[in-house]
PDB file of N, CA and C in Angstrom:
ATOM      1  N   MET A   1    -234.078-210.787 -48.081  1.00  0.00           N
ATOM      2  CA  MET A   1    -233.137-210.892 -48.873  1.00  0.00           C
ATOM      3  C   MET A   1    -233.636-211.813 -50.042  1.00  0.00           C
ATOM      4  N   VAL A   2    -234.540-212.664 -49.646  1.00  0.00           N
ATOM      5  CA  VAL A   2    -234.887-213.467 -50.900  1.00  0.00           C
ATOM      6  C   VAL A   2    -235.865-212.724 -51.764  1.00  0.00           C
ATOM      7  N   LEU A   3    -236.768-211.949 -51.020  1.00  0.00           N
ATOM      8  CA  LEU A   3    -237.431-211.021 -51.755  1.00  0.00           C
ATOM      9  C   LEU A   3    -236.644-210.109 -52.738  1.00  0.00           C
ATOM     10  N   ARG A   4    -235.621-209.667 -52.265  1.00  0.00           N
ATOM     11  CA  ARG A   4    -234.744-208.711 -53.078  1.00  0.00           C
ATOM     12  C   ARG A   4    -234.366-209.298 -54.209  1.00  0.00           C
ATOM     13  N   ARG A   5    -234.004-210.626 -54.196  1.00  0.00           N
ATOM     14  CA  ARG A   5    -233.389-211.119 -55.322  1.00  0.00           C
ATOM     15  C   ARG A   5    -234.551-211.685 -56.250  1.00  0.00           C
ATOM     16  N   VAL A   6    -235.806-211.928 -55.892  1.00  0.00           N
ATOM     17  CA  VAL A   6    -236.872-212.105 -56.601  1.00  0.00           C
ATOM     18  C   VAL A   6    -237.237-210.965 -57.394  1.00  0.00           C
ATOM     19  N   LEU A   7    -237.340-209.911 -56.719  1.00  0.00           N
ATOM     20  CA  LEU A   7    -237.939-208.646 -57.359  1.00  0.00           C
ATOM     21  C   LEU A   7    -236.681-208.231 -58.568  1.00  0.00           C
ATOM     22  N   LEU A   8    -235.226-208.235 -58.150  1.00  0.00           N
ATOM     23  CA  LEU A   8    -234.210-208.067 -59.192  1.00  0.00           C
ATOM     24  C   LEU A   8    -234.451-208.971 -60.381  1.00  0.00           C
ATOM     25  N   ALA A   9    -234.617-210.415 -60.371  1.00  0.00           N
ATOM     26  CA  ALA A   9    -234.815-211.117 -61.322  1.00  0.00           C
ATOM     27  C   ALA A   9    -235.949-210.653 -61.990  1.00  0.00           C
ATOM     28  N   LEU A  10    -237.246-210.304 -61.464  1.00  0.00           N
ATOM     29  CA  LEU A  10    -238.352-209.882 -62.023  1.00  0.00           C
ATOM     30  C   LEU A  10    -238.094-208.739 -62.955  1.00  0.00           C
ATOM     31  N   LEU A  11    -237.410-207.634 -62.370  1.00  0.00           N
ATOM     32  CA  LEU A  11    -237.283-206.285 -62.861  1.00  0.00           C
ATOM     33  C   LEU A  11    -236.320-206.241 -63.872  1.00  0.00           C
ATOM     34  N   SER A  12    -235.318-207.495 -64.031  1.00  0.00           N
ATOM     35  CA  SER A  12    -234.412-207.404 -65.087  1.00  0.00           C
ATOM     36  C   SER A  12    -234.776-207.783 -66.352  1.00  0.00           C
ATOM     37  N   SER A  13    -236.099-208.641 -66.341  1.00  0.00           N
ATOM     38  CA  SER A  13    -236.541-208.771 -67.597  1.00  0.00           C
ATOM     39  C   SER A  13    -237.610-207.969 -68.382  1.00  0.00           C
ATOM     40  N   PRO A  14    -236.920-207.448 -69.522  1.00  0.00           N
ATOM     41  CA  PRO A  14    -237.755-206.397 -70.228  1.00  0.00           C
ATOM     42  C   PRO A  14    -239.304-206.634 -70.283  1.00  0.00           C
ATOM     43  N   ARG A  15    -239.507-207.700 -70.478  1.00  0.00           N
ATOM     44  CA  ARG A  15    -241.077-208.382 -70.922  1.00  0.00           C
ATOM     45  C   ARG A  15    -241.909-207.729 -69.756  1.00  0.00           C
ATOM     46  N   VAL A  16    -241.384-208.386 -68.535  1.00  0.00           N
ATOM     47  CA  VAL A  16    -242.163-208.167 -67.189  1.00  0.00           C
ATOM     48  C   VAL A  16    -242.120-206.718 -66.790  1.00  0.00           C
ATOM     49  N   VAL A  17    -241.154-205.821 -67.132  1.00  0.00           N
ATOM     50  CA  VAL A  17    -241.256-204.440 -67.099  1.00  0.00           C
ATOM     51  C   VAL A  17    -241.989-203.822 -67.933  1.00  0.00           C
ATOM     52  N   GLU A  18    -242.022-204.088 -69.166  1.00  0.00           N
ATOM     53  CA  GLU A  18    -243.043-203.557 -69.784  1.00  0.00           C
ATOM     54  C   GLU A  18    -244.624-203.988 -69.591  1.00  0.00           C
ATOM     55  N   ARG A  19    -244.700-205.244 -69.077  1.00  0.00           N
ATOM     56  CA  ARG A  19    -246.240-205.527 -68.732  1.00  0.00           C
ATOM     57  C   ARG A  19    -246.624-204.815 -67.521  1.00  0.00           C
ATOM     58  N   LEU A  20    -245.778-204.541 -66.628  1.00  0.00           N
ATOM     59  CA  LEU A  20    -245.886-203.677 -65.335  1.00  0.00           C
ATOM     60  C   LEU A  20    -246.235-202.188 -65.663  1.00  0.00           C
ATOM     61  N   SER A  21    -245.232-201.773 -66.773  1.00  0.00           N
ATOM     62  CA  SER A  21    -245.532-200.252 -67.088  1.00  0.00           C
ATOM     63  C   SER A  21    -246.929-200.048 -67.785  1.00  0.00           C
ATOM     64  N   GLU A  22    -247.543-201.161 -68.155  1.00  0.00           N
ATOM     65  CA  GLU A  22    -248.979-201.183 -68.730  1.00  0.00           C
ATOM     66  C   GLU A  22    -250.132-201.125 -67.845  1.00  0.00           C
ATOM     67  N   SER A  23    -249.632-201.626 -66.773  1.00  0.00           N
ATOM     68  CA  SER A  23    -250.615-201.705 -65.701  1.00  0.00           C
ATOM     69  C   SER A  23    -251.518-200.314 -65.131  1.00  0.00           C
ATOM     70  N   ARG A  24    -252.406-200.332 -64.638  1.00  0.00           N
ATOM     71  CA  ARG A  24    -253.278-199.145 -64.266  1.00  0.00           C
ATOM     72  C   ARG A  24    -252.239-198.675 -62.943  1.00  0.00           C
ATOM     73  N   PRO A  25    -251.933-199.369 -61.967  1.00  0.00           N
ATOM     74  CA  PRO A  25    -251.475-198.848 -60.794  1.00  0.00           C
ATOM     75  C   PRO A  25    -250.000-198.210 -60.746  1.00  0.00           C
ATOM     76  N   ILE A  26    -249.421-198.787 -61.886  1.00  0.00           N
ATOM     77  CA  ILE A  26    -248.116-198.337 -62.122  1.00  0.00           C
ATOM     78  C   ILE A  26    -248.105-197.048 -62.978  1.00  0.00           C
ATOM     79  N   ARG A  27    -249.148-196.952 -63.873  1.00  0.00           N
ATOM     80  CA  ARG A  27    -249.302-195.618 -64.617  1.00  0.00           C
ATOM     81  C   ARG A  27    -249.961-194.641 -63.840  1.00  0.00           C
ATOM     82  N   ALA A  28    -250.841-194.822 -62.860  1.00  0.00           N
ATOM     83  CA  ALA A  28    -251.124-193.976 -61.835  1.00  0.00           C
ATOM     84  C   ALA A  28    -250.357-193.451 -60.991  1.00  0.00           C
ATOM     85  N   ALA A  29    -249.392-194.401 -60.610  1.00  0.00           N
ATOM     86  CA  ALA A  29    -248.258-193.924 -59.739  1.00  0.00           C
ATOM     87  C   ALA A  29    -247.281-193.062 -60.657  1.00  0.00           C
ATOM     88  N   ALA A  30    -246.867-193.321 -61.928  1.00  0.00           N
ATOM     89  CA  ALA A  30    -246.194-192.419 -62.628  1.00  0.00           C
ATOM     90  C   ALA A  30    -246.775-191.038 -62.787  1.00  0.00           C
ATOM     91  N   ARG A  31    -247.981-191.166 -63.229  1.00  0.00           N
ATOM     92  CA  ARG A  31    -248.654-189.794 -63.314  1.00  0.00           C
ATOM     93  C   ARG A  31    -248.581-188.992 -61.996  1.00  0.00           C
ATOM     94  N   LEU A  32    -248.880-189.430 -60.905  1.00  0.00           N
ATOM     95  CA  LEU A  32    -248.880-188.685 -59.598  1.00  0.00           C
ATOM     96  C   LEU A  32    -247.377-188.306 -59.419  1.00  0.00           C
ATOM     97  N   THR A  33    -246.398-189.027 -59.793  1.00  0.00           N
ATOM     98  CA  THR A  33    -244.981-188.607 -59.564  1.00  0.00           C
ATOM     99  C   THR A  33    -244.627-187.602 -60.625  1.00  0.00           C
ATOM    100  N   ALA A  34    -245.000-187.565 -61.562  1.00  0.00           N
ATOM    101  CA  ALA A  34    -244.779-186.387 -62.662  1.00  0.00           C
ATOM    102  C   ALA A  34    -245.298-185.104 -62.297  1.00  0.00           C
ATOM    103  N   ALA A  35    -246.554-185.309 -61.811  1.00  0.00           N
ATOM    104  CA  ALA A  35    -247.279-184.025 -61.383  1.00  0.00           C
ATOM    105  C   ALA A  35    -246.583-183.484 -60.327  1.00  0.00           C
ATOM    106  N   ALA A  36    -246.223-184.375 -59.300  1.00  0.00           N
ATOM    107  CA  ALA A  36    -245.706-183.670 -58.119  1.00  0.00           C
ATOM    108  C   ALA A  36    -244.143-183.019 -58.284  1.00  0.00           C
ATOM    109  N   ILE A  37    -243.430-183.658 -59.362  1.00  0.00           N
ATOM    110  CA  ILE A  37    -242.102-183.060 -59.810  1.00  0.00           C
ATOM    111  C   ILE A  37    -242.434-181.677 -60.462  1.00  0.00           C
ATOM    112  N   THR A  38    -243.417-181.773 -61.429  1.00  0.00           N
ATOM    113  CA  THR A  38    -243.748-180.458 -62.038  1.00  0.00           C
ATOM    114  C   THR A  38    -244.245-179.402 -61.125  1.00  0.00           C
ATOM    115  N   ARG A  39    -245.027-179.600 -60.293  1.00  0.00           N
ATOM    116  CA  ARG A  39    -245.400-178.771 -59.065  1.00  0.00           C
ATOM    117  C   ARG A  39    -244.407-178.046 -58.257  1.00  0.00           C
ATOM    118  N   GLY A  40    -243.490-179.184 -57.720  1.00  0.00           N
ATOM    119  CA  GLY A  40    -242.249-178.861 -57.180  1.00  0.00           C
ATOM    120  C   GLY A  40    -241.303-177.631 -57.985  1.00  0.00           C
ATOM    121  N   GLN A  41    -241.160-178.034 -59.147  1.00  0.00           N
ATOM    122  CA  GLN A  41    -240.528-177.108 -60.031  1.00  0.00           C
ATOM    123  C   GLN A  41    -241.077-175.937 -60.380  1.00  0.00           C
ATOM    124  N   LEU A  42    -242.256-175.914 -60.477  1.00  0.00           N
ATOM    125  CA  LEU A  42    -243.000-174.458 -60.581  1.00  0.00           C
ATOM    126  C   LEU A  42    -243.023-173.810 -59.277  1.00  0.00           C
ATOM    127  N   GLY A  43    -243.072-174.504 -58.307  1.00  0.00           N
ATOM    128  CA  GLY A  43    -242.996-173.646 -57.162  1.00  0.00           C
ATOM    129  C   GLY A  43    -241.664-173.071 -56.635  1.00  0.00           C
ATOM    130  N   ALA A  44    -240.590-173.888 -57.259  1.00  0.00           N
ATOM    131  CA  ALA A  44    -239.336-173.479 -56.816  1.00  0.00           C
ATOM    132  C   ALA A  44    -238.987-172.198 -57.775  1.00  0.00           C
ATOM    133  N   ARG A  45    -239.451-172.198 -58.915  1.00  0.00           N
ATOM    134  CA  ARG A  45    -239.183-171.261 -60.051  1.00  0.00           C
ATOM    135  C   ARG A  45    -240.150-169.648 -59.389  1.00  0.00           C
ATOM    136  N   ARG A  46    -241.024-169.951 -58.875  1.00  0.00           N
ATOM    137  CA  ARG A  46    -241.825-168.794 -58.097  1.00  0.00           C
ATOM    138  C   ARG A  46    -240.893-168.397 -56.930  1.00  0.00           C
ATOM    139  N   ALA A  47    -240.730-169.275 -56.451  1.00  0.00           N
ATOM    140  CA  ALA A  47    -239.700-168.952 -55.086  1.00  0.00           C
ATOM    141  C   ALA A  47    -238.467-168.100 -55.643  1.00  0.00           C
ATOM    142  N   ALA A  48    -237.916-168.575 -56.546  1.00  0.00           N
ATOM    143  CA  ALA A  48    -236.515-168.005 -57.049  1.00  0.00           C
ATOM    144  C   ALA A  48    -236.854-166.695 -57.598  1.00  0.00           C
ATOM    145  N   ARG A  49    -237.962-166.480 -58.205  1.00  0.00           N
ATOM    146  CA  ARG A  49    -238.270-165.132 -58.953  1.00  0.00           C
ATOM    147  C   ARG A  49    -238.342-164.047 -57.525  1.00  0.00           C
ATOM    148  N   GLY A  50    -239.028-164.598 -56.704  1.00  0.00           N
ATOM    149  CA  GLY A  50    -239.133-163.433 -55.476  1.00  0.00           C
ATOM    150  C   GLY A  50    -237.684-163.257 -54.731  1.00  0.00           C
ATOM    151  N   LEU A  51    -237.005-164.403 -54.588  1.00  0.00           N
ATOM    152  CA  LEU A  51    -235.557-164.151 -54.087  1.00  0.00           C
ATOM    153  C   LEU A  51    -234.802-163.082 -54.682  1.00  0.00           C
ATOM    154  N   THR A  52    -234.901-163.215 -56.309  1.00  0.00           N
ATOM    155  CA  THR A  52    -234.025-162.505 -56.885  1.00  0.00           C
ATOM    156  C   THR A  52    -233.243-161.131 -56.628  1.00  0.00           C
ATOM    157  N   PRO A  53    -234.469-160.341 -56.197  1.00  0.00           N
ATOM    158  CA  PRO A  53    -233.746-158.963 -55.886  1.00  0.00           C
ATOM    159  C   PRO A  53    -232.831-158.933 -54.516  1.00  0.00           C
ATOM    160  N   CYS A  54    -233.479-159.721 -53.437  1.00  0.00           N
ATOM    161  CA  CYS A  54    -232.844-160.164 -52.251  1.00  0.00           C
ATOM    162  C   CYS A  54    -231.439-160.707 -52.376  1.00  0.00           C
ATOM    163  N   LEU A  55    -231.319-161.525 -53.272  1.00  0.00           N
ATOM    164  CA  LEU A  55    -229.859-161.979 -53.520  1.00  0.00           C
ATOM    165  C   LEU A  55    -228.911-161.144 -54.236  1.00  0.00           C
ATOM    166  N   LEU A  56    -229.608-160.242 -55.224  1.00  0.00           N
ATOM    167  CA  LEU A  56    -228.563-159.413 -55.938  1.00  0.00           C
ATOM    168  C   LEU A  56    -228.152-158.376 -54.971  1.00  0.00           C
ATOM    169  N   ARG A  57    -229.046-158.119 -53.936  1.00  0.00           N
ATOM    170  CA  ARG A  57    -228.388-157.096 -52.895  1.00  0.00           C
ATOM    171  C   ARG A  57    -227.424-157.820 -52.040  1.00  0.00           C
ATOM    172  N   LEU A  58    -227.509-159.059 -51.609  1.00  0.00           N
ATOM    173  CA  LEU A  58    -226.727-159.645 -50.510  1.00  0.00           C
ATOM    174  C   LEU A  58    -225.267-159.796 -51.404  1.00  0.00           C
ATOM    175  N   ARG A  59    -225.276-160.319 -52.683  1.00  0.00           N
ATOM    176  CA  ARG A  59    -224.154-160.265 -53.715  1.00  0.00           C
ATOM    177  C   ARG A  59    -223.296-158.885 -53.560  1.00  0.00           C
ATOM    178  N   ASP A  60    -224.232-157.932 -54.199  1.00  0.00           N
ATOM    179  CA  ASP A  60    -223.525-156.536 -53.960  1.00  0.00           C
ATOM    180  C   ASP A  60    -222.907-156.207 -52.590  1.00  0.00           C
ATOM    181  N   ALA A  61    -223.488-156.510 -51.313  1.00  0.00           N
ATOM    182  CA  ALA A  61    -222.983-156.095 -50.446  1.00  0.00           C
ATOM    183  C   ALA A  61    -221.792-156.922 -49.952  1.00  0.00           C
ATOM    184  N   VAL A  62    -221.795-158.440 -50.441  1.00  0.00           N
ATOM    185  CA  VAL A  62    -220.556-159.110 -50.054  1.00  0.00           C
ATOM    186  C   VAL A  62    -219.537-158.639 -50.942  1.00  0.00           C
ATOM    187  N   LEU A  63    -219.764-158.154 -52.171  1.00  0.00           N
ATOM    188  CA  LEU A  63    -218.632-157.870 -52.977  1.00  0.00           C
ATOM    189  C   LEU A  63    -218.041-156.504 -52.538  1.00  0.00           C
ATOM    190  N   ALA A  64    -218.760-155.547 -52.146  1.00  0.00           N
ATOM    191  CA  ALA A  64    -218.574-154.450 -51.622  1.00  0.00           C
ATOM    192  C   ALA A  64    -217.697-154.374 -50.137  1.00  0.00           C
ATOM    193  N   GLU A  65    -218.001-155.431 -49.300  1.00  0.00           N
ATOM    194  CA  GLU A  65    -217.249-155.461 -48.205  1.00  0.00           C
ATOM    195  C   GLU A  65    -215.946-156.367 -48.464  1.00  0.00           C
ATOM    196  N   LEU A  66    -215.937-157.298 -49.586  1.00  0.00           N
ATOM    197  CA  LEU A  66    -214.661-157.823 -49.811  1.00  0.00           C
ATOM    198  C   LEU A  66    -213.881-156.912 -50.299  1.00  0.00           C
ATOM    199  N   LYS A  67    -214.236-156.102 -51.343  1.00  0.00           N
ATOM    200  CA  LYS A  67    -213.368-155.016 -52.065  1.00  0.00           C
ATOM    201  C   LYS A  67    -212.810-153.820 -50.841  1.00  0.00           C
ATOM    202  N   GLY A  68    -213.706-153.675 -49.971  1.00  0.00           N
ATOM    203  CA  GLY A  68    -213.414-152.621 -49.014  1.00  0.00           C
ATOM    204  C   GLY A  68    -212.355-152.926 -47.978  1.00  0.00           C
ATOM    205  N   SER A  69    -212.517-154.453 -47.676  1.00  0.00           N
ATOM    206  CA  SER A  69    -211.555-155.079 -46.733  1.00  0.00           C
ATOM    207  C   SER A  69    -210.248-155.272 -47.540  1.00  0.00           C
ATOM    208  N   ALA A  70    -210.337-155.514 -48.938  1.00  0.00           N
ATOM    209  CA  ALA A  70    -209.040-155.843 -49.446  1.00  0.00           C
ATOM    210  C   ALA A  70    -208.258-154.663 -49.703  1.00  0.00           C
ATOM    211  N   ARG A  71    -208.504-153.352 -49.618  1.00  0.00           N
ATOM    212  CA  ARG A  71    -207.868-152.242 -49.888  1.00  0.00           C
ATOM    213  C   ARG A  71    -206.416-152.180 -48.998  1.00  0.00           C
ATOM    214  N   GLY A  72    -206.667-152.567 -47.898  1.00  0.00           N
ATOM    215  CA  GLY A  72    -205.471-152.513 -46.946  1.00  0.00           C
ATOM    216  C   GLY A  72    -204.342-153.555 -47.187  1.00  0.00           C
ATOM    217  N   TRP A  73    -204.683-154.510 -47.842  1.00  0.00           N
ATOM    218  CA  TRP A  73    -203.672-155.713 -48.188  1.00  0.00           C
ATOM    219  C   TRP A  73    -202.681-155.226 -49.435  1.00  0.00           C
ATOM    220  N   PRO A  74    -201.501-155.653 -48.835  1.00  0.00           N
ATOM    221  CA  PRO A  74    -200.390-155.509 -50.191  1.00  0.00           C
ATOM    222  C   PRO A  74    -200.574-156.609 -51.216  1.00  0.00           C
ATOM    223  N   TRP A  75    -200.945-156.356 -52.483  1.00  0.00           N
ATOM    224  CA  TRP A  75    -201.209-157.362 -53.335  1.00  0.00           C
ATOM    225  C   TRP A  75    -200.629-156.732 -54.589  1.00  0.00           C
ATOM    226  N   PRO A  76    -199.646-157.547 -55.153  1.00  0.00           N
ATOM    227  CA  PRO A  76    -199.717-159.030 -55.052  1.00  0.00           C
ATOM    228  C   PRO A  76    -198.356-159.232 -53.889  1.00  0.00           C
ATOM    229  N   PRO A  77    -198.384-160.219 -53.216  1.00  0.00           N
ATOM    230  CA  PRO A  77    -197.805-160.335 -51.906  1.00  0.00           C
ATOM    231  C   PRO A  77    -196.421-160.134 -52.372  1.00  0.00           C
ATOM    232  N   ARG A  78    -195.385-159.498 -51.481  1.00  0.00           N
ATOM    233  CA  ARG A  78    -194.006-159.196 -51.585  1.00  0.00           C
ATOM    234  C   ARG A  78    -193.402-160.451 -51.149  1.00  0.00           C
ATOM    235  N   ARG A  79    -192.291-160.943 -51.902  1.00  0.00           N
ATOM    236  CA  ARG A  79    -191.373-162.113 -51.707  1.00  0.00           C
ATOM    237  C   ARG A  79    -190.132-161.843 -51.166  1.00  0.00           C
ATOM    238  N   GLY A  80    -189.668-161.856 -49.935  1.00  0.00           N
ATOM    239  CA  GLY A  80    -188.166-161.550 -49.485  1.00  0.00           C
ATOM    240  C   GLY A  80    -187.479-162.788 -49.716  1.00  0.00           C
ATOM    241  N   SER A  81    -186.394-162.633 -49.229  1.00  0.00           N
ATOM    242  CA  SER A  81    -185.390-163.774 -49.506  1.00  0.00           C
ATOM    243  C   SER A  81    -185.659-164.927 -48.497  1.00  0.00           C
ATOM    244  N   GLY A  82    -185.871-166.167 -49.150  1.00  0.00           N
ATOM    245  CA  GLY A  82    -186.427-167.148 -48.474  1.00  0.00           C
ATOM    246  C   GLY A  82    -187.742-167.518 -48.196  1.00  0.00           C
ATOM    247  N   GLN A  83    -188.723-166.638 -48.817  1.00  0.00           N
ATOM    248  CA  GLN A  83    -189.818-166.781 -48.900  1.00  0.00           C
ATOM    249  C   GLN A  83    -190.477-167.314 -50.098  1.00  0.00           C
ATOM    250  N   GLY A  84    -191.650-168.100 -50.091  1.00  0.00           N
ATOM    251  CA  GLY A  84    -192.001-168.402 -51.341  1.00  0.00           C
ATOM    252  C   GLY A  84    -191.424-169.577 -51.959  1.00  0.00           C
ATOM    253  N   GLY A  85    -191.486-169.921 -53.145  1.00  0.00           N
ATOM    254  CA  GLY A  85    -191.417-171.179 -53.870  1.00  0.00           C
ATOM    255  C   GLY A  85    -192.060-172.234 -53.623  1.00  0.00           C
ATOM    256  N   ARG A  86    -191.238-173.462 -53.877  1.00  0.00           N
ATOM    257  CA  ARG A  86    -192.126-174.626 -53.338  1.00  0.00           C
ATOM    258  C   ARG A  86    -191.761-174.845 -52.292  1.00  0.00           C
ATOM    259  N   PRO A  87    -192.826-175.875 -51.478  1.00  0.00           N
ATOM    260  CA  PRO A  87    -192.470-176.175 -50.120  1.00  0.00           C
ATOM    261  C   PRO A  87    -191.393-177.362 -50.429  1.00  0.00           C
ATOM    262  N   GLY A  88    -190.438-177.329 -49.203  1.00  0.00           N
ATOM    263  CA  GLY A  88    -189.162-178.119 -49.371  1.00  0.00           C
ATOM    264  C   GLY A  88    -188.300-177.832 -50.142  1.00  0.00           C
ATOM    265  N   ALA A  89    -188.320-177.159 -51.055  1.00  0.00           N
ATOM    266  CA  ALA A  89    -187.033-176.649 -51.668  1.00  0.00           C
ATOM    267  C   ALA A  89    -186.165-175.648 -51.184  1.00  0.00           C
ATOM    268  N   ALA A  90    -185.039-176.081 -51.260  1.00  0.00           N
ATOM    269  CA  ALA A  90    -183.877-175.179 -50.758  1.00  0.00           C
ATOM    270  C   ALA A  90    -184.003-173.574 -51.017  1.00  0.00           C
ATOM    271  N   PRO A  91    -183.807-172.847 -50.030  1.00  0.00           N
ATOM    272  CA  PRO A  91    -183.910-171.328 -50.331  1.00  0.00           C
ATOM    273  C   PRO A  91    -182.780-170.759 -51.087  1.00  0.00           C
TER     274      PRO A  91
END
């Protein structure tokens, strides 16, 4: 708890943050983090390119199934007497 407060006090000072950002360990950690994020983004893009045809086929199959099953439904729904309207409203 005390360590947390000390770190918070140190990191809320712009001068301390600037000096820390110029230190070698922090710069090396920032470089590693940026490289890992970039590598992950490139890998995700490559994986997405490979999935695109499969996803398009899946989308087309789902749409075809929905269109086929919706043919038997009356649309728009017919409202008889006492049906529809606001919930709780008098018929």
